[in-house]
Amino acid sequence: MDKWDKRFMELTEQVGTWASCIRRQVGAIIVQDNRVMATGYNGAPTGIKSCMERGKCLRIEQGIPSGTRAELCYAAHAEQNAIIQAAKYGVKIEGATLYCTHQPCVICAKMIINAGISRVVYREGYPDEFSMELFEEAGTKVEKFE
């Protein structure tokens, strides 16, 4: 890890504060050649009320454990939103590094791999070992930020 990783992880933490999720604040940024290409945080899609706006979390209400049933949530994950933002604005992210406050889940891992992102740096773990298996098989470099 170098000074750039530290800077980008600090920015990722800041982006996470924009999240509209009650349960977890997650931020992600996609970086190419030490330039921020896209940002994302976990939040509801455009036109959909967030948990914060609803005043309740569907996952907490239904007792859904972390790392399971990702489809039962109003929010899109931070990594998904960053990739979608890049696609929406025509920003090339192949070969980029994705910084994320949390280890990506398996659904995000598949999107990261297909987007051609070559490196993932995360701070907090997440209960999804399958995502790590996919990254390894795909040859995506994954590093825990210390």
Protein backbone atom coordinates (compact mmCIF):
# COMPACT_ATOMS: atom_id res chain seq x y z
CA MET A 1 0.00 0.00 0.00
CA ASP A 2 1.23 3.47 -0.76
CA LYS A 3 0.24 7.08 -0.12
CA TRP A 4 -2.25 6.99 -3.00
CA ASP A 5 -4.03 3.98 -1.50
CA LYS A 6 -4.31 5.88 1.79
CA ARG A 7 -5.68 8.98 0.04
CA PHE A 8 -8.20 7.05 -2.01
CA MET A 9 -9.35 4.98 0.97
CA GLU A 10 -9.93 8.21 2.93
CA LEU A 11 -12.02 9.53 0.03
CA THR A 12 -13.91 6.23 -0.14
CA GLU A 13 -14.78 6.58 3.55
CA GLN A 14 -16.10 10.11 2.87
CA VAL A 15 -18.22 8.91 -0.07
CA GLY A 16 -19.68 6.27 2.25
CA THR A 17 -21.12 9.01 4.46
CA TRP A 18 -23.45 9.91 1.57
CA ALA A 19 -25.20 6.51 1.81
CA SER A 20 -28.95 6.47 2.32
CA CYS A 21 -28.91 3.07 4.03
CA ILE A 22 -29.76 2.79 7.73
CA ARG A 23 -27.88 -0.47 8.28
CA ARG A 24 -24.47 0.15 6.70
CA GLN A 25 -22.62 3.11 5.19
CA VAL A 26 -20.56 1.90 2.22
CA GLY A 27 -18.55 3.96 -0.24
CA ALA A 28 -16.71 2.99 -3.42
CA ILE A 29 -14.53 4.84 -5.89
CA ILE A 30 -13.02 3.69 -9.14
CA VAL A 31 -9.55 5.03 -9.89
CA GLN A 32 -7.45 4.94 -13.05
CA ASP A 33 -3.93 6.43 -13.19
CA ASN A 34 -4.46 8.13 -9.80
CA ARG A 35 -7.60 9.86 -11.08
CA VAL A 36 -11.12 9.28 -9.70
CA MET A 37 -13.27 7.99 -12.55
CA ALA A 38 -16.51 7.24 -10.66
CA THR A 39 -17.95 7.18 -7.15
CA GLY A 40 -20.73 5.16 -5.57
CA TYR A 41 -22.44 4.66 -2.25
CA ASN A 42 -25.17 2.30 -1.16
CA GLY A 43 -28.52 3.88 -1.79
CA ALA A 44 -31.87 3.44 -3.46
CA PRO A 45 -32.15 3.74 -7.25
CA THR A 46 -33.35 7.02 -8.73
CA GLY A 47 -37.04 7.53 -8.00
CA ILE A 48 -37.17 4.90 -5.23
CA LYS A 49 -37.48 5.96 -1.59
CA SER A 50 -34.46 5.02 0.52
CA CYS A 51 -34.59 3.36 3.93
CA MET A 52 -33.78 6.71 5.51
CA GLU A 53 -36.74 8.32 3.71
CA ARG A 54 -38.98 5.41 4.74
CA GLY A 55 -37.68 5.54 8.31
CA LYS A 56 -37.10 1.79 8.39
CA CYS A 57 -34.87 -0.93 7.01
CA LEU A 58 -36.58 -3.84 5.26
CA ARG A 59 -33.66 -6.14 6.15
CA ILE A 60 -33.77 -5.27 9.85
CA GLU A 61 -37.58 -5.66 9.91
CA GLN A 62 -37.33 -9.13 8.37
CA GLY A 63 -34.29 -10.23 10.40
CA ILE A 64 -32.17 -10.89 7.30
CA PRO A 65 -28.56 -11.68 8.28
CA SER A 66 -25.69 -9.72 6.75
CA GLY A 67 -24.24 -11.37 3.66
CA THR A 68 -27.51 -13.03 2.64
CA ARG A 69 -30.51 -12.19 0.44
CA ALA A 70 -28.99 -9.03 -1.07
CA GLU A 71 -32.01 -8.72 -3.35
CA LEU A 72 -34.20 -7.87 -0.36
CA CYS A 73 -33.00 -4.31 0.04
CA TYR A 74 -34.03 -0.97 -1.44
CA ALA A 75 -30.39 0.04 -1.94
CA ALA A 76 -27.99 -0.79 -4.73
CA HIS A 77 -24.50 -1.49 -3.43
CA ALA A 78 -21.78 1.16 -3.59
CA GLU A 79 -19.69 -0.86 -6.07
CA GLN A 80 -22.72 -1.33 -8.32
CA ASN A 81 -23.50 2.38 -8.24
CA ALA A 82 -19.89 3.30 -9.10
CA ILE A 83 -19.85 0.91 -12.08
CA ILE A 84 -23.27 2.14 -13.21
CA GLN A 85 -22.13 5.77 -12.94
CA ALA A 86 -19.11 5.02 -15.12
CA ALA A 87 -21.31 3.28 -17.71
CA LYS A 88 -23.93 6.05 -17.66
CA TYR A 89 -21.33 8.71 -18.42
CA GLY A 90 -19.18 6.64 -20.79
CA VAL A 91 -16.14 6.43 -18.52
CA LYS A 92 -13.70 3.61 -19.27
CA ILE A 93 -12.85 1.62 -16.14
CA GLU A 94 -11.15 -1.46 -17.57
CA GLY A 95 -7.88 -2.04 -15.73
CA ALA A 96 -8.87 0.36 -12.93
CA THR A 97 -8.70 -0.06 -9.16
CA LEU A 98 -11.89 -0.10 -7.11
CA TYR A 99 -11.58 1.12 -3.52
CA CYS A 100 -14.41 0.13 -1.20
CA THR A 101 -15.08 0.53 2.49
CA HIS A 102 -16.20 -3.12 2.64
CA GLN A 103 -15.22 -6.35 0.88
CA PRO A 104 -17.51 -6.77 -2.14
CA CYS A 105 -20.31 -9.33 -2.05
CA VAL A 106 -20.55 -12.03 -4.71
CA ILE A 107 -22.99 -10.02 -6.85
CA CYS A 108 -20.66 -7.01 -6.84
CA ALA A 109 -17.66 -9.29 -7.45
CA LYS A 110 -19.27 -10.57 -10.66
CA MET A 111 -19.90 -7.00 -11.84
CA ILE A 112 -16.35 -5.91 -10.93
CA ILE A 113 -14.87 -8.86 -12.83
CA ASN A 114 -17.04 -8.26 -15.91
CA ALA A 115 -16.24 -4.53 -15.87
CA GLY A 116 -12.56 -5.46 -16.20
CA ILE A 117 -11.50 -3.84 -12.94
CA SER A 118 -8.10 -5.36 -12.17
CA ARG A 119 -7.64 -4.50 -8.48
CA VAL A 120 -9.89 -4.15 -5.44
CA VAL A 121 -8.81 -2.53 -2.17
CA TYR A 122 -11.18 -2.75 0.81
CA ARG A 123 -11.06 -1.93 4.52
CA GLU A 124 -13.75 -3.99 6.30
CA GLY A 125 -14.47 -7.67 5.80
CA TYR A 126 -17.83 -9.06 4.70
CA PRO A 127 -19.25 -12.55 5.26
CA ASP A 128 -18.99 -13.71 1.63
CA GLU A 129 -16.09 -16.05 0.92
CA PHE A 130 -17.49 -17.00 -2.50
CA SER A 131 -16.77 -13.49 -3.78
CA MET A 132 -13.12 -13.96 -2.85
CA GLU A 133 -13.02 -17.31 -4.67
CA LEU A 134 -14.37 -15.66 -7.82
CA PHE A 135 -11.82 -12.84 -7.64
CA GLU A 136 -9.02 -15.38 -7.28
CA GLU A 137 -10.22 -17.47 -10.22
CA ALA A 138 -10.63 -14.36 -12.40
CA GLY A 139 -7.17 -13.08 -11.49
CA THR A 140 -8.49 -9.89 -9.90
CA LYS A 141 -6.01 -8.62 -7.32
CA VAL A 142 -7.72 -8.06 -3.94
CA GLU A 143 -6.07 -6.34 -1.00
CA LYS A 144 -7.29 -5.58 2.51
CA PHE A 145 -6.30 -2.03 3.47
CA GLU A 146 -4.57 -1.92 6.85
